[in-house]
């Protein structure tokens, strides 16, 4: 699977990288190569199936198959 990512240099000199098609999937690295490695891991974790019901601000997040 391929995803487009956006990389920019942060104010602190680190590279910030995000995957716009996966909201909130953001990472960083000291180098571009490290940032790319980190976003790969972040994307894999983002896409992992959730085994637990999540509670967010007192609300349950569930999935319903249609």
Protein backbone atom coordinates (compact mmCIF):
# COMPACT_ATOMS: atom_id res chain seq x y z
CA UNK A 1 0.00 0.00 0.00
CA UNK A 2 1.32 3.47 -0.80
CA UNK A 3 0.51 6.76 0.91
CA UNK A 4 1.55 10.29 0.06
CA UNK A 5 3.33 12.13 2.86
CA UNK A 6 4.24 15.77 3.40
CA UNK A 7 7.56 16.65 4.98
CA UNK A 8 8.70 20.01 6.28
CA UNK A 9 11.48 21.30 8.47
CA UNK A 10 10.34 22.31 11.93
CA UNK A 11 11.53 25.36 13.84
CA UNK A 12 13.82 23.14 15.90
CA UNK A 13 15.57 21.71 12.80
CA UNK A 14 13.80 18.34 12.99
CA UNK A 15 11.79 17.13 10.00
CA UNK A 16 8.05 16.86 10.56
CA UNK A 17 6.20 14.40 8.34
CA UNK A 18 2.49 13.69 8.05
CA UNK A 19 0.17 11.51 6.02
CA UNK A 20 -2.80 13.71 4.99
CA UNK A 21 -5.02 10.73 4.08
CA UNK A 22 -4.72 9.43 7.67
CA UNK A 23 -5.82 12.26 9.99
CA UNK A 24 -3.50 12.69 12.95
CA UNK A 25 -0.81 10.41 11.52
CA UNK A 26 2.26 12.58 12.13
CA UNK A 27 5.87 11.83 13.01
CA UNK A 28 9.30 13.44 12.92
CA UNK A 29 13.00 12.71 12.67
CA UNK A 30 16.39 14.36 12.89
CA UNK A 31 16.96 13.53 9.21
CA UNK A 32 14.66 13.01 6.24
CA UNK A 33 15.55 9.30 6.25
CA UNK A 34 14.72 8.97 9.94
CA UNK A 35 11.45 10.88 9.47
CA UNK A 36 10.45 8.55 6.60
CA UNK A 37 11.26 5.49 8.70
CA UNK A 38 9.21 6.88 11.58
CA UNK A 39 6.17 7.72 9.43
CA UNK A 40 6.22 4.18 8.00
CA UNK A 41 5.95 2.84 11.53
CA UNK A 42 3.26 5.40 12.41
CA UNK A 43 1.20 4.40 9.35
CA UNK A 44 1.51 0.70 10.23
CA UNK A 45 0.31 1.40 13.77
CA UNK A 46 -2.49 3.64 12.50
CA UNK A 47 -3.77 0.86 10.26
CA UNK A 48 -3.52 -1.92 12.87
CA UNK A 49 -6.92 -3.34 13.74
CA UNK A 50 -8.12 -2.29 17.15
CA UNK A 51 -8.93 -5.13 19.48
CA UNK A 52 -10.31 -3.00 22.29
CA UNK A 53 -13.22 -0.60 22.42
CA UNK A 54 -11.83 2.90 22.72
CA UNK A 55 -13.12 5.51 25.09
CA UNK A 56 -12.65 9.07 23.92
CA UNK A 57 -13.92 11.91 26.09
CA UNK A 58 -16.42 9.59 27.75
CA UNK A 59 -17.72 8.21 24.44
CA UNK A 60 -17.16 4.75 23.00
CA UNK A 61 -15.70 4.45 19.52
CA UNK A 62 -17.01 1.33 17.72
CA UNK A 63 -16.98 0.01 14.17
CA UNK A 64 -20.08 -1.30 12.44
CA UNK A 65 -19.89 -3.47 9.35
CA UNK A 66 -22.46 -2.75 6.64
